[in-house]
Amino acid sequence: MEIKVSDDGIGMEKEMVEKIQTATYSSRETKSTGIGLRNVMDRLRLYFNQRFHFAISSELGKGTTVTIKLPLIEGEDLLVKSGDS
């Protein structure tokens, strides 16, 4: 399963994207604490171990896209089909 979240904000420089993806940045470098992304990554690691993919693509002045790819696990009802309540 692939999940993409995009915005049309100010974007980020390539160096900042690399720091975020490797968790080597500090809150002094951004206006954010980074806790949200770190929390998501930690939870994905706990549940899926290394069987997931997380990527950030960003361009200054154009926005940012976060892509998460998760494996479908046979026998587990993880998904609600579109239109289901």
PDB file of N, CA and C in Angstrom:
ATOM      1  N   MET A   1       0.845  -1.145   0.000  1.00  0.00           N
ATOM      2  CA  MET A   1       0.000   0.000   0.000  1.00  0.00           C
ATOM      3  C   MET A   1       0.910   1.232   0.000  1.00  0.00           C
ATOM      4  N   GLU A   2       0.518   2.241  -0.752  1.00  0.00           N
ATOM      5  CA  GLU A   2       1.291   3.474  -0.815  1.00  0.00           C
ATOM      6  C   GLU A   2       0.433   4.641  -0.351  1.00  0.00           C
ATOM      7  N   ILE A   3       0.995   5.454   0.536  1.00  0.00           N
ATOM      8  CA  ILE A   3       0.323   6.639   1.053  1.00  0.00           C
ATOM      9  C   ILE A   3       1.196   7.837   0.699  1.00  0.00           C
ATOM     10  N   LYS A   4       0.587   8.858   0.081  1.00  0.00           N
ATOM     11  CA  LYS A   4       1.318  10.076  -0.248  1.00  0.00           C
ATOM     12  C   LYS A   4       0.591  11.265   0.359  1.00  0.00           C
ATOM     13  N   VAL A   5       1.366  12.151   0.973  1.00  0.00           N
ATOM     14  CA  VAL A   5       0.840  13.396   1.512  1.00  0.00           C
ATOM     15  C   VAL A   5       1.665  14.518   0.901  1.00  0.00           C
ATOM     16  N   SER A   6       0.978  15.456   0.243  1.00  0.00           N
ATOM     17  CA  SER A   6       1.668  16.552  -0.439  1.00  0.00           C
ATOM     18  C   SER A   6       1.132  17.892   0.015  1.00  0.00           C
ATOM     19  N   ASP A   7       2.005  18.906  -0.077  1.00  0.00           N
ATOM     20  CA  ASP A   7       1.555  20.271   0.161  1.00  0.00           C
ATOM     21  C   ASP A   7       2.180  21.179  -0.886  1.00  0.00           C
ATOM     22  N   ASP A   8       1.672  22.378  -0.959  1.00  0.00           N
ATOM     23  CA  ASP A   8       2.220  23.353  -1.906  1.00  0.00           C
ATOM     24  C   ASP A   8       2.881  24.508  -1.142  1.00  0.00           C
ATOM     25  N   GLY A   9       3.530  24.150  -0.037  1.00  0.00           N
ATOM     26  CA  GLY A   9       4.197  25.137   0.809  1.00  0.00           C
ATOM     27  C   GLY A   9       5.516  25.601   0.238  1.00  0.00           C
ATOM     28  N   ILE A  10       6.381  26.085   1.115  1.00  0.00           N
ATOM     29  CA  ILE A  10       7.647  26.687   0.673  1.00  0.00           C
ATOM     30  C   ILE A  10       8.697  25.663   0.274  1.00  0.00           C
ATOM     31  N   GLY A  11       8.480  24.396   0.624  1.00  0.00           N
ATOM     32  CA  GLY A  11       9.451  23.365   0.281  1.00  0.00           C
ATOM     33  C   GLY A  11      10.677  23.396   1.187  1.00  0.00           C
ATOM     34  N   MET A  12      11.621  22.506   0.914  1.00  0.00           N
ATOM     35  CA  MET A  12      12.844  22.403   1.709  1.00  0.00           C
ATOM     36  C   MET A  12      14.040  22.212   0.798  1.00  0.00           C
ATOM     37  N   GLU A  13      15.194  22.629   1.289  1.00  0.00           N
ATOM     38  CA  GLU A  13      16.429  22.370   0.558  1.00  0.00           C
ATOM     39  C   GLU A  13      16.787  20.897   0.671  1.00  0.00           C
ATOM     40  N   LYS A  14      17.518  20.393  -0.311  1.00  0.00           N
ATOM     41  CA  LYS A  14      17.908  18.989  -0.364  1.00  0.00           C
ATOM     42  C   LYS A  14      18.621  18.540   0.911  1.00  0.00           C
ATOM     43  N   GLU A  15      19.474  19.395   1.448  1.00  0.00           N
ATOM     44  CA  GLU A  15      20.227  19.045   2.658  1.00  0.00           C
ATOM     45  C   GLU A  15      19.289  18.802   3.849  1.00  0.00           C
ATOM     46  N   MET A  16      18.230  19.621   3.964  1.00  0.00           N
ATOM     47  CA  MET A  16      17.290  19.456   5.070  1.00  0.00           C
ATOM     48  C   MET A  16      16.505  18.157   4.904  1.00  0.00           C
ATOM     49  N   VAL A  17      16.104  17.830   3.689  1.00  0.00           N
ATOM     50  CA  VAL A  17      15.398  16.573   3.437  1.00  0.00           C
ATOM     51  C   VAL A  17      16.270  15.402   3.874  1.00  0.00           C
ATOM     52  N   GLU A  18      17.536  15.434   3.514  1.00  0.00           N
ATOM     53  CA  GLU A  18      18.458  14.357   3.894  1.00  0.00           C
ATOM     54  C   GLU A  18      18.597  14.261   5.411  1.00  0.00           C
ATOM     55  N   LYS A  19      18.688  15.394   6.083  1.00  0.00           N
ATOM     56  CA  LYS A  19      18.805  15.388   7.543  1.00  0.00           C
ATOM     57  C   LYS A  19      17.545  14.820   8.193  1.00  0.00           C
ATOM     58  N   ILE A  20      16.388  15.180   7.667  1.00  0.00           N
ATOM     59  CA  ILE A  20      15.132  14.665   8.230  1.00  0.00           C
ATOM     60  C   ILE A  20      15.044  13.154   8.047  1.00  0.00           C
ATOM     61  N   GLN A  21      15.368  12.683   6.854  1.00  0.00           N
ATOM     62  CA  GLN A  21      15.262  11.247   6.575  1.00  0.00           C
ATOM     63  C   GLN A  21      16.253  10.419   7.386  1.00  0.00           C
ATOM     64  N   THR A  22      17.351  11.019   7.796  1.00  0.00           N
ATOM     65  CA  THR A  22      18.330  10.283   8.590  1.00  0.00           C
ATOM     66  C   THR A  22      18.290  10.684  10.058  1.00  0.00           C
ATOM     67  N   ALA A  23      17.318  11.557  10.419  1.00  0.00           N
ATOM     68  CA  ALA A  23      17.136  12.024  11.806  1.00  0.00           C
ATOM     69  C   ALA A  23      18.402  12.661  12.371  1.00  0.00           C
ATOM     70  N   THR A  24      19.084  13.459  11.536  1.00  0.00           N
ATOM     71  CA  THR A  24      20.312  14.108  11.995  1.00  0.00           C
ATOM     72  C   THR A  24      20.167  15.621  12.077  1.00  0.00           C
ATOM     73  N   TYR A  25      18.959  16.103  12.274  1.00  0.00           N
ATOM     74  CA  TYR A  25      18.768  17.538  12.398  1.00  0.00           C
ATOM     75  C   TYR A  25      18.304  17.880  13.805  1.00  0.00           C
ATOM     76  N   SER A  26      18.425  19.131  14.170  1.00  0.00           N
ATOM     77  CA  SER A  26      17.965  19.560  15.481  1.00  0.00           C
ATOM     78  C   SER A  26      16.853  20.585  15.312  1.00  0.00           C
ATOM     79  N   SER A  27      16.082  20.783  16.367  1.00  0.00           N
ATOM     80  CA  SER A  27      14.971  21.729  16.301  1.00  0.00           C
ATOM     81  C   SER A  27      15.464  23.161  16.099  1.00  0.00           C
ATOM     82  N   ARG A  28      16.727  23.413  16.369  1.00  0.00           N
ATOM     83  CA  ARG A  28      17.282  24.754  16.138  1.00  0.00           C
ATOM     84  C   ARG A  28      17.366  25.072  14.651  1.00  0.00           C
ATOM     85  N   GLU A  29      17.376  24.038  13.791  1.00  0.00           N
ATOM     86  CA  GLU A  29      17.483  24.251  12.349  1.00  0.00           C
ATOM     87  C   GLU A  29      16.143  24.505  11.689  1.00  0.00           C
ATOM     88  N   THR A  30      15.060  24.206  12.381  1.00  0.00           N
ATOM     89  CA  THR A  30      13.721  24.361  11.813  1.00  0.00           C
ATOM     90  C   THR A  30      12.819  25.035  12.829  1.00  0.00           C
ATOM     91  N   LYS A  31      11.627  25.366  12.393  1.00  0.00           N
ATOM     92  CA  LYS A  31      10.624  25.909  13.306  1.00  0.00           C
ATOM     93  C   LYS A  31       9.821  24.772  13.946  1.00  0.00           C
ATOM     94  N   SER A  32      10.158  23.545  13.635  1.00  0.00           N
ATOM     95  CA  SER A  32       9.454  22.367  14.120  1.00  0.00           C
ATOM     96  C   SER A  32      10.364  21.555  15.041  1.00  0.00           C
ATOM     97  N   THR A  33       9.747  20.802  15.921  1.00  0.00           N
ATOM     98  CA  THR A  33      10.527  19.927  16.789  1.00  0.00           C
ATOM     99  C   THR A  33      10.902  18.636  16.090  1.00  0.00           C
ATOM    100  N   GLY A  34      10.151  18.270  15.039  1.00  0.00           N
ATOM    101  CA  GLY A  34      10.417  17.021  14.339  1.00  0.00           C
ATOM    102  C   GLY A  34       9.869  15.798  15.055  1.00  0.00           C
ATOM    103  N   ILE A  35       9.188  16.018  16.162  1.00  0.00           N
ATOM    104  CA  ILE A  35       8.668  14.896  16.946  1.00  0.00           C
ATOM    105  C   ILE A  35       7.641  14.107  16.152  1.00  0.00           C
ATOM    106  N   GLY A  36       6.814  14.788  15.374  1.00  0.00           N
ATOM    107  CA  GLY A  36       5.770  14.099  14.602  1.00  0.00           C
ATOM    108  C   GLY A  36       6.343  13.085  13.629  1.00  0.00           C
ATOM    109  N   LEU A  37       7.300  13.516  12.816  1.00  0.00           N
ATOM    110  CA  LEU A  37       7.915  12.597  11.850  1.00  0.00           C
ATOM    111  C   LEU A  37       8.668  11.486  12.559  1.00  0.00           C
ATOM    112  N   ARG A  38       9.391  11.833  13.602  1.00  0.00           N
ATOM    113  CA  ARG A  38      10.144  10.824  14.348  1.00  0.00           C
ATOM    114  C   ARG A  38       9.193   9.789  14.952  1.00  0.00           C
ATOM    115  N   ASN A  39       8.065  10.247  15.485  1.00  0.00           N
ATOM    116  CA  ASN A  39       7.070   9.356  16.066  1.00  0.00           C
ATOM    117  C   ASN A  39       6.497   8.406  15.012  1.00  0.00           C
ATOM    118  N   VAL A  40       6.164   8.944  13.838  1.00  0.00           N
ATOM    119  CA  VAL A  40       5.647   8.105  12.747  1.00  0.00           C
ATOM    120  C   VAL A  40       6.676   7.054  12.359  1.00  0.00           C
ATOM    121  N   MET A  41       7.928   7.465  12.168  1.00  0.00           N
ATOM    122  CA  MET A  41       8.974   6.514  11.780  1.00  0.00           C
ATOM    123  C   MET A  41       9.170   5.429  12.834  1.00  0.00           C
ATOM    124  N   ASP A  42       9.191   5.824  14.107  1.00  0.00           N
ATOM    125  CA  ASP A  42       9.365   4.840  15.186  1.00  0.00           C
ATOM    126  C   ASP A  42       8.224   3.837  15.219  1.00  0.00           C
ATOM    127  N   ARG A  43       7.011   4.307  15.045  1.00  0.00           N
ATOM    128  CA  ARG A  43       5.849   3.401  15.070  1.00  0.00           C
ATOM    129  C   ARG A  43       5.850   2.458  13.871  1.00  0.00           C
ATOM    130  N   LEU A  44       6.219   2.973  12.704  1.00  0.00           N
ATOM    131  CA  LEU A  44       6.312   2.111  11.523  1.00  0.00           C
ATOM    132  C   LEU A  44       7.373   1.037  11.721  1.00  0.00           C
ATOM    133  N   ARG A  45       8.515   1.426  12.299  1.00  0.00           N
ATOM    134  CA  ARG A  45       9.579   0.450  12.572  1.00  0.00           C
ATOM    135  C   ARG A  45       9.118  -0.613  13.558  1.00  0.00           C
ATOM    136  N   LEU A  46       8.395  -0.206  14.593  1.00  0.00           N
ATOM    137  CA  LEU A  46       7.904  -1.161  15.591  1.00  0.00           C
ATOM    138  C   LEU A  46       6.965  -2.189  14.967  1.00  0.00           C
ATOM    139  N   TYR A  47       6.078  -1.727  14.106  1.00  0.00           N
ATOM    140  CA  TYR A  47       5.081  -2.636  13.535  1.00  0.00           C
ATOM    141  C   TYR A  47       5.609  -3.415  12.333  1.00  0.00           C
ATOM    142  N   PHE A  48       6.327  -2.744  11.437  1.00  0.00           N
ATOM    143  CA  PHE A  48       6.742  -3.376  10.180  1.00  0.00           C
ATOM    144  C   PHE A  48       8.218  -3.758  10.146  1.00  0.00           C
ATOM    145  N   ASN A  49       8.964  -3.461  11.215  1.00  0.00           N
ATOM    146  CA  ASN A  49      10.406  -3.680  11.235  1.00  0.00           C
ATOM    147  C   ASN A  49      11.018  -2.880  10.092  1.00  0.00           C
ATOM    148  N   GLN A  50      11.742  -3.460   9.195  1.00  0.00           N
ATOM    149  CA  GLN A  50      12.333  -2.716   8.075  1.00  0.00           C
ATOM    150  C   GLN A  50      11.566  -2.939   6.770  1.00  0.00           C
ATOM    151  N   ARG A  51      10.345  -3.475   6.866  1.00  0.00           N
ATOM    152  CA  ARG A  51       9.585  -3.800   5.659  1.00  0.00           C
ATOM    153  C   ARG A  51       8.708  -2.639   5.187  1.00  0.00           C
ATOM    154  N   PHE A  52       9.144  -1.421   5.374  1.00  0.00           N
ATOM    155  CA  PHE A  52       8.408  -0.275   4.873  1.00  0.00           C
ATOM    156  C   PHE A  52       9.389   0.703   4.237  1.00  0.00           C
ATOM    157  N   HIS A  53       8.836   1.637   3.464  1.00  0.00           N
ATOM    158  CA  HIS A  53       9.657   2.637   2.786  1.00  0.00           C
ATOM    159  C   HIS A  53       9.095   4.014   3.126  1.00  0.00           C
ATOM    160  N   PHE A  54       9.969   4.943   3.465  1.00  0.00           N
ATOM    161  CA  PHE A  54       9.576   6.302   3.815  1.00  0.00           C
ATOM    162  C   PHE A  54      10.461   7.250   3.030  1.00  0.00           C
ATOM    163  N   ALA A  55       9.866   8.158   2.268  1.00  0.00           N
ATOM    164  CA  ALA A  55      10.671   9.083   1.469  1.00  0.00           C
ATOM    165  C   ALA A  55      10.046  10.470   1.486  1.00  0.00           C
ATOM    166  N   ILE A  56      10.902  11.472   1.425  1.00  0.00           N
ATOM    167  CA  ILE A  56      10.469  12.857   1.334  1.00  0.00           C
ATOM    168  C   ILE A  56      11.072  13.442   0.071  1.00  0.00           C
ATOM    169  N   SER A  57      10.229  14.062  -0.745  1.00  0.00           N
ATOM    170  CA  SER A  57      10.741  14.810  -1.891  1.00  0.00           C
ATOM    171  C   SER A  57      10.225  16.237  -1.747  1.00  0.00           C
ATOM    172  N   SER A  58      11.094  17.182  -2.025  1.00  0.00           N
ATOM    173  CA  SER A  58      10.720  18.573  -1.826  1.00  0.00           C
ATOM    174  C   SER A  58      11.469  19.462  -2.788  1.00  0.00           C
ATOM    175  N   GLU A  59      10.815  20.546  -3.176  1.00  0.00           N
ATOM    176  CA  GLU A  59      11.457  21.529  -4.045  1.00  0.00           C
ATOM    177  C   GLU A  59      11.110  22.914  -3.514  1.00  0.00           C
ATOM    178  N   LEU A  60      12.127  23.724  -3.330  1.00  0.00           N
ATOM    179  CA  LEU A  60      11.913  25.077  -2.818  1.00  0.00           C
ATOM    180  C   LEU A  60      10.906  25.828  -3.688  1.00  0.00           C
ATOM    181  N   GLY A  61       9.948  26.453  -3.043  1.00  0.00           N
ATOM    182  CA  GLY A  61       8.938  27.229  -3.743  1.00  0.00           C
ATOM    183  C   GLY A  61       7.822  26.418  -4.361  1.00  0.00           C
ATOM    184  N   LYS A  62       7.897  25.085  -4.274  1.00  0.00           N
ATOM    185  CA  LYS A  62       6.874  24.243  -4.910  1.00  0.00           C
ATOM    186  C   LYS A  62       6.182  23.290  -3.954  1.00  0.00           C
ATOM    187  N   GLY A  63       6.793  22.950  -2.825  1.00  0.00           N
ATOM    188  CA  GLY A  63       6.135  22.075  -1.865  1.00  0.00           C
ATOM    189  C   GLY A  63       6.902  20.803  -1.567  1.00  0.00           C
ATOM    190  N   THR A  64       6.234  19.954  -0.801  1.00  0.00           N
ATOM    191  CA  THR A  64       6.849  18.731  -0.294  1.00  0.00           C
ATOM    192  C   THR A  64       5.875  17.573  -0.422  1.00  0.00           C
ATOM    193  N   THR A  65       6.404  16.384  -0.715  1.00  0.00           N
ATOM    194  CA  THR A  65       5.609  15.158  -0.731  1.00  0.00           C
ATOM    195  C   THR A  65       6.295  14.125   0.148  1.00  0.00           C
ATOM    196  N   VAL A  66       5.515  13.533   1.045  1.00  0.00           N
ATOM    197  CA  VAL A  66       5.989  12.433   1.885  1.00  0.00           C
ATOM    198  C   VAL A  66       5.309  11.170   1.363  1.00  0.00           C
ATOM    199  N   THR A  67       6.109  10.149   1.073  1.00  0.00           N
ATOM    200  CA  THR A  67       5.587   8.875   0.571  1.00  0.00           C
ATOM    201  C   THR A  67       5.935   7.773   1.554  1.00  0.00           C
ATOM    202  N   ILE A  68       4.917   6.994   1.924  1.00  0.00           N
ATOM    203  CA  ILE A  68       5.103   5.841   2.808  1.00  0.00           C
ATOM    204  C   ILE A  68       4.566   4.616   2.071  1.00  0.00           C
ATOM    205  N   LYS A  69       5.398   3.597   1.939  1.00  0.00           N
ATOM    206  CA  LYS A  69       4.976   2.334   1.324  1.00  0.00           C
ATOM    207  C   LYS A  69       4.993   1.261   2.402  1.00  0.00           C
ATOM    208  N   LEU A  70       3.850   0.598   2.566  1.00  0.00           N
ATOM    209  CA  LEU A  70       3.697  -0.437   3.584  1.00  0.00           C
ATOM    210  C   LEU A  70       3.377  -1.769   2.931  1.00  0.00           C
ATOM    211  N   PRO A  71       3.873  -2.856   3.494  1.00  0.00           N
ATOM    212  CA  PRO A  71       3.523  -4.168   2.953  1.00  0.00           C
ATOM    213  C   PRO A  71       2.103  -4.535   3.363  1.00  0.00           C
ATOM    214  N   LEU A  72       1.415  -5.247   2.496  1.00  0.00           N
ATOM    215  CA  LEU A  72       0.121  -5.800   2.873  1.00  0.00           C
ATOM    216  C   LEU A  72       0.390  -7.117   3.592  1.00  0.00           C
ATOM    217  N   ILE A  73      -0.169  -7.273   4.757  1.00  0.00           N
ATOM    218  CA  ILE A  73       0.090  -8.459   5.564  1.00  0.00           C
ATOM    219  C   ILE A  73      -1.100  -9.403   5.454  1.00  0.00           C
ATOM    220  N   GLU A  74      -0.846 -10.567   4.901  1.00  0.00           N
ATOM    221  CA  GLU A  74      -1.899 -11.552   4.679  1.00  0.00           C
ATOM    222  C   GLU A  74      -2.521 -11.978   6.002  1.00  0.00           C
ATOM    223  N   GLY A  75      -3.844 -12.052   5.998  1.00  0.00           N
ATOM    224  CA  GLY A  75      -4.550 -12.535   7.179  1.00  0.00           C
ATOM    225  C   GLY A  75      -4.901 -11.445   8.175  1.00  0.00           C
ATOM    226  N   GLU A  76      -4.476 -10.231   7.940  1.00  0.00           N
ATOM    227  CA  GLU A  76      -4.798  -9.140   8.850  1.00  0.00           C
ATOM    228  C   GLU A  76      -5.681  -8.133   8.129  1.00  0.00           C
ATOM    229  N   ASP A  77      -6.725  -7.690   8.787  1.00  0.00           N
ATOM    230  CA  ASP A  77      -7.655  -6.741   8.207  1.00  0.00           C
ATOM    231  C   ASP A  77      -7.192  -5.331   8.538  1.00  0.00           C
ATOM    232  N   LEU A  78      -6.183  -4.846   7.788  1.00  0.00           N
ATOM    233  CA  LEU A  78      -5.617  -3.526   8.038  1.00  0.00           C
ATOM    234  C   LEU A  78      -6.313  -2.423   7.251  1.00  0.00           C
ATOM    235  N   LEU A  79      -6.995  -2.773   6.178  1.00  0.00           N
ATOM    236  CA  LEU A  79      -7.527  -1.776   5.277  1.00  0.00           C
ATOM    237  C   LEU A  79      -9.048  -1.748   5.295  1.00  0.00           C
ATOM    238  N   VAL A  80      -9.588  -0.577   5.142  1.00  0.00           N
ATOM    239  CA  VAL A  80     -11.020  -0.400   4.916  1.00  0.00           C
ATOM    240  C   VAL A  80     -11.157   0.012   3.454  1.00  0.00           C
ATOM    241  N   LYS A  81     -11.937  -0.749   2.695  1.00  0.00           N
ATOM    242  CA  LYS A  81     -12.111  -0.444   1.278  1.00  0.00           C
ATOM    243  C   LYS A  81     -12.853   0.858   1.101  1.00  0.00           C
ATOM    244  N   SER A  82     -12.553   1.548   0.032  1.00  0.00           N
ATOM    245  CA  SER A  82     -13.213   2.815  -0.284  1.00  0.00           C
ATOM    246  C   SER A  82     -14.722   2.597  -0.317  1.00  0.00           C
ATOM    247  N   GLY A  83     -15.460   3.450   0.365  1.00  0.00           N
ATOM    248  CA  GLY A  83     -16.902   3.330   0.412  1.00  0.00           C
ATOM    249  C   GLY A  83     -17.415   2.551   1.599  1.00  0.00           C
ATOM    250  N   ASP A  84     -16.525   1.815   2.310  1.00  0.00           N
ATOM    251  CA  ASP A  84     -16.931   1.084   3.505  1.00  0.00           C
ATOM    252  C   ASP A  84     -16.981   2.045   4.680  1.00  0.00           C
ATOM    253  N   SER A  85     -17.845   1.762   5.621  1.00  0.00           N
ATOM    254  CA  SER A  85     -17.946   2.605   6.820  1.00  0.00           C
ATOM    255  C   SER A  85     -17.202   1.994   7.962  1.00  0.00           C
TER     256      SER A  85
END
